[in-house]
């Protein structure tokens, strides 16, 4: 949800995610993570 909200606030920003869980990484990419 943080990535989703950040994407709405900053449409052009590159957003990176550091997580050890693929089940979290996938949905994060779906809502706006780029890296």
ModelCIF file with pLDDT and N, C-alpha, C, O atoms, coordinates in Angstrom:
data_MODEL
#
_entry.id   MODEL 
#
_entity.id                         1 
_entity.type                       polymer 
_entity.pdbx_number_of_molecules   1 
#
_entity_poly.entity_id                      1 
_entity_poly.type                           'polypeptide(L)' 
_entity_poly.nstd_linkage                   no 
_entity_poly.nstd_monomer                   no 
_entity_poly.pdbx_seq_one_letter_code       
;(UNK)(UNK)(UNK)(UNK)(UNK)(UNK)(UNK)(UNK)(UNK)(UNK)(UNK)(UNK)(UNK)(UNK)(UNK)(UNK)
(UNK)(UNK)(UNK)(UNK)(UNK)(UNK)(UNK)(UNK)(UNK)(UNK)(UNK)(UNK)(UNK)(UNK)(UNK)(UNK)
(UNK)(UNK)(UNK)
;
_entity_poly.pdbx_seq_one_letter_code_can   XXXXXXXXXXXXXXXXXXXXXXXXXXXXXXXXXXX 
_entity_poly.pdbx_strand_id                 A 
#
loop_
_entity_poly_seq.entity_id 
_entity_poly_seq.num 
_entity_poly_seq.mon_id 
_entity_poly_seq.hetero 
1 1  UNK n 
1 2  UNK n 
1 3  UNK n 
1 4  UNK n 
1 5  UNK n 
1 6  UNK n 
1 7  UNK n 
1 8  UNK n 
1 9  UNK n 
1 10 UNK n 
1 11 UNK n 
1 12 UNK n 
1 13 UNK n 
1 14 UNK n 
1 15 UNK n 
1 16 UNK n 
1 17 UNK n 
1 18 UNK n 
1 19 UNK n 
1 20 UNK n 
1 21 UNK n 
1 22 UNK n 
1 23 UNK n 
1 24 UNK n 
1 25 UNK n 
1 26 UNK n 
1 27 UNK n 
1 28 UNK n 
1 29 UNK n 
1 30 UNK n 
1 31 UNK n 
1 32 UNK n 
1 33 UNK n 
1 34 UNK n 
1 35 UNK n 
#
_struct_asym.id          A 
_struct_asym.entity_id   1 
#
loop_
_ma_qa_metric.id 
_ma_qa_metric.mode 
_ma_qa_metric.name 
_ma_qa_metric.software_group_id 
_ma_qa_metric.type 
1 global pLDDT . pLDDT 
2 local  pLDDT . pLDDT 
#
_ma_qa_metric_global.metric_id      1 
_ma_qa_metric_global.metric_value   95.51 
_ma_qa_metric_global.model_id       1 
_ma_qa_metric_global.ordinal_id     1 
#
loop_
_ma_qa_metric_local.label_asym_id 
_ma_qa_metric_local.label_comp_id 
_ma_qa_metric_local.label_seq_id 
_ma_qa_metric_local.metric_id 
_ma_qa_metric_local.metric_value 
_ma_qa_metric_local.model_id 
_ma_qa_metric_local.ordinal_id 
A UNK 1  2 95.00 1 1  
A UNK 2  2 96.00 1 2  
A UNK 3  2 96.00 1 3  
A UNK 4  2 97.00 1 4  
A UNK 5  2 96.00 1 5  
A UNK 6  2 97.00 1 6  
A UNK 7  2 97.00 1 7  
A UNK 8  2 97.00 1 8  
A UNK 9  2 96.00 1 9  
A UNK 10 2 97.00 1 10 
A UNK 11 2 96.00 1 11 
A UNK 12 2 95.00 1 12 
A UNK 13 2 97.00 1 13 
A UNK 14 2 97.00 1 14 
A UNK 15 2 98.00 1 15 
A UNK 16 2 97.00 1 16 
A UNK 17 2 96.00 1 17 
A UNK 18 2 93.00 1 18 
A UNK 19 2 92.00 1 19 
A UNK 20 2 89.00 1 20 
A UNK 21 2 90.00 1 21 
A UNK 22 2 92.00 1 22 
A UNK 23 2 92.00 1 23 
A UNK 24 2 93.00 1 24 
A UNK 25 2 95.00 1 25 
A UNK 26 2 96.00 1 26 
A UNK 27 2 96.00 1 27 
A UNK 28 2 96.00 1 28 
A UNK 29 2 97.00 1 29 
A UNK 30 2 97.00 1 30 
A UNK 31 2 97.00 1 31 
A UNK 32 2 96.00 1 32 
A UNK 33 2 97.00 1 33 
A UNK 34 2 98.00 1 34 
A UNK 35 2 97.00 1 35 
#
loop_
_atom_site.group_PDB 
_atom_site.id 
_atom_site.type_symbol 
_atom_site.label_atom_id 
_atom_site.label_alt_id 
_atom_site.label_comp_id 
_atom_site.label_asym_id 
_atom_site.label_entity_id 
_atom_site.label_seq_id 
_atom_site.pdbx_PDB_ins_code 
_atom_site.Cartn_x 
_atom_site.Cartn_y 
_atom_site.Cartn_z 
_atom_site.occupancy 
_atom_site.B_iso_or_equiv 
_atom_site.pdbx_formal_charge 
_atom_site.auth_seq_id 
_atom_site.auth_comp_id 
_atom_site.auth_asym_id 
_atom_site.auth_atom_id 
_atom_site.pdbx_PDB_model_num 
ATOM 1   N N  . UNK A 1 1  ? 0.810  -1.224  0.000   1.00 95.00 ? 1  UNK A N  1 
ATOM 2   C CA . UNK A 1 1  ? 0.000  0.000   0.000   1.00 95.00 ? 1  UNK A CA 1 
ATOM 3   C C  . UNK A 1 1  ? 0.840  1.270   0.000   1.00 95.00 ? 1  UNK A C  1 
ATOM 4   O O  . UNK A 1 1  ? 0.416  2.277   -0.566  1.00 95.00 ? 1  UNK A O  1 
ATOM 5   N N  . UNK A 1 2  ? 2.015  1.252   0.616   1.00 96.00 ? 2  UNK A N  1 
ATOM 6   C CA . UNK A 1 2  ? 2.888  2.427   0.592   1.00 96.00 ? 2  UNK A CA 1 
ATOM 7   C C  . UNK A 1 2  ? 3.352  2.711   -0.830  1.00 96.00 ? 2  UNK A C  1 
ATOM 8   O O  . UNK A 1 2  ? 3.352  3.864   -1.262  1.00 96.00 ? 2  UNK A O  1 
ATOM 9   N N  . UNK A 1 3  ? 3.748  1.674   -1.561  1.00 96.00 ? 3  UNK A N  1 
ATOM 10  C CA . UNK A 1 3  ? 4.172  1.863   -2.954  1.00 96.00 ? 3  UNK A CA 1 
ATOM 11  C C  . UNK A 1 3  ? 3.028  2.411   -3.792  1.00 96.00 ? 3  UNK A C  1 
ATOM 12  O O  . UNK A 1 3  ? 3.228  3.305   -4.614  1.00 96.00 ? 3  UNK A O  1 
ATOM 13  N N  . UNK A 1 4  ? 1.831  1.878   -3.586  1.00 97.00 ? 4  UNK A N  1 
ATOM 14  C CA . UNK A 1 4  ? 0.670  2.350   -4.348  1.00 97.00 ? 4  UNK A CA 1 
ATOM 15  C C  . UNK A 1 4  ? 0.391  3.825   -4.086  1.00 97.00 ? 4  UNK A C  1 
ATOM 16  O O  . UNK A 1 4  ? 0.121  4.582   -5.018  1.00 97.00 ? 4  UNK A O  1 
ATOM 17  N N  . UNK A 1 5  ? 0.455  4.232   -2.830  1.00 96.00 ? 5  UNK A N  1 
ATOM 18  C CA . UNK A 1 5  ? 0.207  5.633   -2.494  1.00 96.00 ? 5  UNK A CA 1 
ATOM 19  C C  . UNK A 1 5  ? 1.325  6.535   -3.012  1.00 96.00 ? 5  UNK A C  1 
ATOM 20  O O  . UNK A 1 5  ? 1.070  7.635   -3.501  1.00 96.00 ? 5  UNK A O  1 
ATOM 21  N N  . UNK A 1 6  ? 2.565  6.059   -2.900  1.00 97.00 ? 6  UNK A N  1 
ATOM 22  C CA . UNK A 1 6  ? 3.688  6.854   -3.386  1.00 97.00 ? 6  UNK A CA 1 
ATOM 23  C C  . UNK A 1 6  ? 3.622  7.039   -4.897  1.00 97.00 ? 6  UNK A C  1 
ATOM 24  O O  . UNK A 1 6  ? 3.966  8.101   -5.417  1.00 97.00 ? 6  UNK A O  1 
ATOM 25  N N  . UNK A 1 7  ? 3.180  6.009   -5.592  1.00 97.00 ? 7  UNK A N  1 
ATOM 26  C CA . UNK A 1 7  ? 3.062  6.131   -7.054  1.00 97.00 ? 7  UNK A CA 1 
ATOM 27  C C  . UNK A 1 7  ? 2.032  7.184   -7.434  1.00 97.00 ? 7  UNK A C  1 
ATOM 28  O O  . UNK A 1 7  ? 2.235  7.928   -8.393  1.00 97.00 ? 7  UNK A O  1 
ATOM 29  N N  . UNK A 1 8  ? 0.942  7.255   -6.703  1.00 97.00 ? 8  UNK A N  1 
ATOM 30  C CA . UNK A 1 8  ? -0.070 8.279   -6.982  1.00 97.00 ? 8  UNK A CA 1 
ATOM 31  C C  . UNK A 1 8  ? 0.481  9.676   -6.737  1.00 97.00 ? 8  UNK A C  1 
ATOM 32  O O  . UNK A 1 8  ? 0.196  10.602  -7.496  1.00 97.00 ? 8  UNK A O  1 
ATOM 33  N N  . UNK A 1 9  ? 1.271  9.829   -5.677  1.00 96.00 ? 9  UNK A N  1 
ATOM 34  C CA . UNK A 1 9  ? 1.821  11.142  -5.328  1.00 96.00 ? 9  UNK A CA 1 
ATOM 35  C C  . UNK A 1 9  ? 2.956  11.565  -6.256  1.00 96.00 ? 9  UNK A C  1 
ATOM 36  O O  . UNK A 1 9  ? 3.142  12.752  -6.524  1.00 96.00 ? 9  UNK A O  1 
ATOM 37  N N  . UNK A 1 10 ? 3.714  10.579  -6.744  1.00 97.00 ? 10 UNK A N  1 
ATOM 38  C CA . UNK A 1 10 ? 4.902  10.877  -7.554  1.00 97.00 ? 10 UNK A CA 1 
ATOM 39  C C  . UNK A 1 10 ? 4.897  10.004  -8.814  1.00 97.00 ? 10 UNK A C  1 
ATOM 40  O O  . UNK A 1 10 ? 5.608  9.000   -8.872  1.00 97.00 ? 10 UNK A O  1 
ATOM 41  N N  . UNK A 1 11 ? 4.105  10.378  -9.815  1.00 96.00 ? 11 UNK A N  1 
ATOM 42  C CA . UNK A 1 11 ? 3.926  9.520   -10.993 1.00 96.00 ? 11 UNK A CA 1 
ATOM 43  C C  . UNK A 1 11 ? 5.210  9.229   -11.758 1.00 96.00 ? 11 UNK A C  1 
ATOM 44  O O  . UNK A 1 11 ? 5.331  8.173   -12.380 1.00 96.00 ? 11 UNK A O  1 
ATOM 45  N N  . UNK A 1 12 ? 6.176  10.154  -11.720 1.00 95.00 ? 12 UNK A N  1 
ATOM 46  C CA . UNK A 1 12 ? 7.380  9.987   -12.530 1.00 95.00 ? 12 UNK A CA 1 
ATOM 47  C C  . UNK A 1 12 ? 8.576  9.446   -11.751 1.00 95.00 ? 12 UNK A C  1 
ATOM 48  O O  . UNK A 1 12 ? 9.628  9.188   -12.337 1.00 95.00 ? 12 UNK A O  1 
ATOM 49  N N  . UNK A 1 13 ? 8.429  9.273   -10.459 1.00 97.00 ? 13 UNK A N  1 
ATOM 50  C CA . UNK A 1 13 ? 9.528  8.838   -9.612  1.00 97.00 ? 13 UNK A CA 1 
ATOM 51  C C  . UNK A 1 13 ? 9.864  7.369   -9.847  1.00 97.00 ? 13 UNK A C  1 
ATOM 52  O O  . UNK A 1 13 ? 8.968  6.539   -10.004 1.00 97.00 ? 13 UNK A O  1 
ATOM 53  N N  . UNK A 1 14 ? 11.157 7.050   -9.871  1.00 97.00 ? 14 UNK A N  1 
ATOM 54  C CA . UNK A 1 14 ? 11.572 5.647   -9.868  1.00 97.00 ? 14 UNK A CA 1 
ATOM 55  C C  . UNK A 1 14 ? 11.451 5.126   -8.435  1.00 97.00 ? 14 UNK A C  1 
ATOM 56  O O  . UNK A 1 14 ? 12.027 5.697   -7.509  1.00 97.00 ? 14 UNK A O  1 
ATOM 57  N N  . UNK A 1 15 ? 10.705 4.050   -8.263  1.00 98.00 ? 15 UNK A N  1 
ATOM 58  C CA . UNK A 1 15 ? 10.474 3.474   -6.932  1.00 98.00 ? 15 UNK A CA 1 
ATOM 59  C C  . UNK A 1 15 ? 11.145 2.110   -6.858  1.00 98.00 ? 15 UNK A C  1 
ATOM 60  O O  . UNK A 1 15 ? 10.891 1.227   -7.678  1.00 98.00 ? 15 UNK A O  1 
ATOM 61  N N  . UNK A 1 16 ? 12.006 1.958   -5.857  1.00 97.00 ? 16 UNK A N  1 
ATOM 62  C CA . UNK A 1 16 ? 12.670 0.684   -5.620  1.00 97.00 ? 16 UNK A CA 1 
ATOM 63  C C  . UNK A 1 16 ? 12.109 0.004   -4.387  1.00 97.00 ? 16 UNK A C  1 
ATOM 64  O O  . UNK A 1 16 ? 11.651 0.669   -3.458  1.00 97.00 ? 16 UNK A O  1 
ATOM 65  N N  . UNK A 1 17 ? 12.142 -1.313  -4.376  1.00 96.00 ? 17 UNK A N  1 
ATOM 66  C CA . UNK A 1 17 ? 11.606 -2.108  -3.264  1.00 96.00 ? 17 UNK A CA 1 
ATOM 67  C C  . UNK A 1 17 ? 12.662 -3.120  -2.827  1.00 96.00 ? 17 UNK A C  1 
ATOM 68  O O  . UNK A 1 17 ? 13.233 -3.840  -3.647  1.00 96.00 ? 17 UNK A O  1 
ATOM 69  N N  . UNK A 1 18 ? 12.906 -3.159  -1.521  1.00 93.00 ? 18 UNK A N  1 
ATOM 70  C CA . UNK A 1 18 ? 13.808 -4.172  -0.959  1.00 93.00 ? 18 UNK A CA 1 
ATOM 71  C C  . UNK A 1 18 ? 12.995 -5.058  -0.018  1.00 93.00 ? 18 UNK A C  1 
ATOM 72  O O  . UNK A 1 18 ? 12.622 -4.645  1.080   1.00 93.00 ? 18 UNK A O  1 
ATOM 73  N N  . UNK A 1 19 ? 12.733 -6.263  -0.462  1.00 92.00 ? 19 UNK A N  1 
ATOM 74  C CA . UNK A 1 19 ? 11.992 -7.228  0.345   1.00 92.00 ? 19 UNK A CA 1 
ATOM 75  C C  . UNK A 1 19 ? 12.538 -8.606  0.051   1.00 92.00 ? 19 UNK A C  1 
ATOM 76  O O  . UNK A 1 19 ? 12.997 -8.868  -1.061  1.00 92.00 ? 19 UNK A O  1 
ATOM 77  N N  . UNK A 1 20 ? 12.496 -9.481  1.022   1.00 89.00 ? 20 UNK A N  1 
ATOM 78  C CA . UNK A 1 20 ? 12.940 -10.852 0.811   1.00 89.00 ? 20 UNK A CA 1 
ATOM 79  C C  . UNK A 1 20 ? 11.831 -11.780 0.375   1.00 89.00 ? 20 UNK A C  1 
ATOM 80  O O  . UNK A 1 20 ? 12.047 -12.985 0.245   1.00 89.00 ? 20 UNK A O  1 
ATOM 81  N N  . UNK A 1 21 ? 10.644 -11.239 0.146   1.00 90.00 ? 21 UNK A N  1 
ATOM 82  C CA . UNK A 1 21 ? 9.475  -12.076 -0.153  1.00 90.00 ? 21 UNK A CA 1 
ATOM 83  C C  . UNK A 1 21 ? 8.974  -11.834 -1.567  1.00 90.00 ? 21 UNK A C  1 
ATOM 84  O O  . UNK A 1 21 ? 8.555  -10.726 -1.902  1.00 90.00 ? 21 UNK A O  1 
ATOM 85  N N  . UNK A 1 22 ? 9.016  -12.866 -2.392  1.00 92.00 ? 22 UNK A N  1 
ATOM 86  C CA . UNK A 1 22 ? 8.504  -12.745 -3.759  1.00 92.00 ? 22 UNK A CA 1 
ATOM 87  C C  . UNK A 1 22 ? 7.008  -12.445 -3.759  1.00 92.00 ? 22 UNK A C  1 
ATOM 88  O O  . UNK A 1 22 ? 6.516  -11.745 -4.644  1.00 92.00 ? 22 UNK A O  1 
ATOM 89  N N  . UNK A 1 23 ? 6.280  -12.973 -2.766  1.00 92.00 ? 23 UNK A N  1 
ATOM 90  C CA . UNK A 1 23 ? 4.834  -12.739 -2.712  1.00 92.00 ? 23 UNK A CA 1 
ATOM 91  C C  . UNK A 1 23 ? 4.504  -11.284 -2.372  1.00 92.00 ? 23 UNK A C  1 
ATOM 92  O O  . UNK A 1 23 ? 3.375  -10.838 -2.574  1.00 92.00 ? 23 UNK A O  1 
ATOM 93  N N  . UNK A 1 24 ? 5.474  -10.556 -1.865  1.00 93.00 ? 24 UNK A N  1 
ATOM 94  C CA . UNK A 1 24 ? 5.308  -9.115  -1.649  1.00 93.00 ? 24 UNK A CA 1 
ATOM 95  C C  . UNK A 1 24 ? 5.822  -8.348  -2.854  1.00 93.00 ? 24 UNK A C  1 
ATOM 96  O O  . UNK A 1 24 ? 5.215  -7.359  -3.265  1.00 93.00 ? 24 UNK A O  1 
ATOM 97  N N  . UNK A 1 25 ? 6.938  -8.795  -3.427  1.00 95.00 ? 25 UNK A N  1 
ATOM 98  C CA . UNK A 1 25 ? 7.548  -8.102  -4.561  1.00 95.00 ? 25 UNK A CA 1 
ATOM 99  C C  . UNK A 1 25 ? 6.623  -8.043  -5.768  1.00 95.00 ? 25 UNK A C  1 
ATOM 100 O O  . UNK A 1 25 ? 6.545  -7.012  -6.436  1.00 95.00 ? 25 UNK A O  1 
ATOM 101 N N  . UNK A 1 26 ? 5.924  -9.132  -6.055  1.00 96.00 ? 26 UNK A N  1 
ATOM 102 C CA . UNK A 1 26 ? 5.027  -9.156  -7.214  1.00 96.00 ? 26 UNK A CA 1 
ATOM 103 C C  . UNK A 1 26 ? 3.936  -8.111  -7.124  1.00 96.00 ? 26 UNK A C  1 
ATOM 104 O O  . UNK A 1 26 ? 3.803  -7.300  -8.041  1.00 96.00 ? 26 UNK A O  1 
ATOM 105 N N  . UNK A 1 27 ? 3.142  -8.092  -6.052  1.00 96.00 ? 27 UNK A N  1 
ATOM 106 C CA . UNK A 1 27 ? 2.121  -7.055  -5.911  1.00 96.00 ? 27 UNK A CA 1 
ATOM 107 C C  . UNK A 1 27 ? 2.699  -5.642  -5.875  1.00 96.00 ? 27 UNK A C  1 
ATOM 108 O O  . UNK A 1 27 ? 2.063  -4.703  -6.354  1.00 96.00 ? 27 UNK A O  1 
ATOM 109 N N  . UNK A 1 28 ? 3.901  -5.482  -5.312  1.00 96.00 ? 28 UNK A N  1 
ATOM 110 C CA . UNK A 1 28 ? 4.520  -4.159  -5.293  1.00 96.00 ? 28 UNK A CA 1 
ATOM 111 C C  . UNK A 1 28 ? 4.821  -3.680  -6.706  1.00 96.00 ? 28 UNK A C  1 
ATOM 112 O O  . UNK A 1 28 ? 4.624  -2.507  -7.023  1.00 96.00 ? 28 UNK A O  1 
ATOM 113 N N  . UNK A 1 29 ? 5.297  -4.581  -7.551  1.00 97.00 ? 29 UNK A N  1 
ATOM 114 C CA . UNK A 1 29 ? 5.528  -4.224  -8.954  1.00 97.00 ? 29 UNK A CA 1 
ATOM 115 C C  . UNK A 1 29 ? 4.208  -3.893  -9.656  1.00 97.00 ? 29 UNK A C  1 
ATOM 116 O O  . UNK A 1 29 ? 4.143  -2.982  -10.481 1.00 97.00 ? 29 UNK A O  1 
ATOM 117 N N  . UNK A 1 30 ? 3.171  -4.639  -9.319  1.00 97.00 ? 30 UNK A N  1 
ATOM 118 C CA . UNK A 1 30 ? 1.867  -4.435  -9.954  1.00 97.00 ? 30 UNK A CA 1 
ATOM 119 C C  . UNK A 1 30 ? 1.293  -3.057  -9.653  1.00 97.00 ? 30 UNK A C  1 
ATOM 120 O O  . UNK A 1 30 ? 0.532  -2.516  -10.455 1.00 97.00 ? 30 UNK A O  1 
ATOM 121 N N  . UNK A 1 31 ? 1.654  -2.473  -8.484  1.00 97.00 ? 31 UNK A N  1 
ATOM 122 C CA . UNK A 1 31 ? 1.091  -1.164  -8.132  1.00 97.00 ? 31 UNK A CA 1 
ATOM 123 C C  . UNK A 1 31 ? 2.076  -0.021  -8.355  1.00 97.00 ? 31 UNK A C  1 
ATOM 124 O O  . UNK A 1 31 ? 1.767  1.128   -8.037  1.00 97.00 ? 31 UNK A O  1 
ATOM 125 N N  . UNK A 1 32 ? 3.269  -0.322  -8.905  1.00 96.00 ? 32 UNK A N  1 
ATOM 126 C CA . UNK A 1 32 ? 4.118  0.803   -9.260  1.00 96.00 ? 32 UNK A CA 1 
ATOM 127 C C  . UNK A 1 32 ? 5.602  0.711   -9.006  1.00 96.00 ? 32 UNK A C  1 
ATOM 128 O O  . UNK A 1 32 ? 6.325  1.641   -9.363  1.00 96.00 ? 32 UNK A O  1 
ATOM 129 N N  . UNK A 1 33 ? 6.109  -0.375  -8.399  1.00 97.00 ? 33 UNK A N  1 
ATOM 130 C CA . UNK A 1 33 ? 7.548  -0.479  -8.181  1.00 97.00 ? 33 UNK A CA 1 
ATOM 131 C C  . UNK A 1 33 ? 8.276  -0.688  -9.512  1.00 97.00 ? 33 UNK A C  1 
ATOM 132 O O  . UNK A 1 33 ? 7.784  -1.388  -10.396 1.00 97.00 ? 33 UNK A O  1 
ATOM 133 N N  . UNK A 1 34 ? 9.449  -0.074  -9.639  1.00 98.00 ? 34 UNK A N  1 
ATOM 134 C CA . UNK A 1 34 ? 10.229 -0.133  -10.875 1.00 98.00 ? 34 UNK A CA 1 
ATOM 135 C C  . UNK A 1 34 ? 11.518 -0.936  -10.735 1.00 98.00 ? 34 UNK A C  1 
ATOM 136 O O  . UNK A 1 34 ? 12.136 -1.303  -11.734 1.00 98.00 ? 34 UNK A O  1 
ATOM 137 N N  . UNK A 1 35 ? 11.920 -1.208  -9.500  1.00 97.00 ? 35 UNK A N  1 
ATOM 138 C CA . UNK A 1 35 ? 13.228 -1.814  -9.242  1.00 97.00 ? 35 UNK A CA 1 
ATOM 139 C C  . UNK A 1 35 ? 13.132 -2.694  -8.000  1.00 97.00 ? 35 UNK A C  1 
ATOM 140 O O  . UNK A 1 35 ? 14.122 -3.305  -7.598  1.00 97.00 ? 35 UNK A O  1 
#
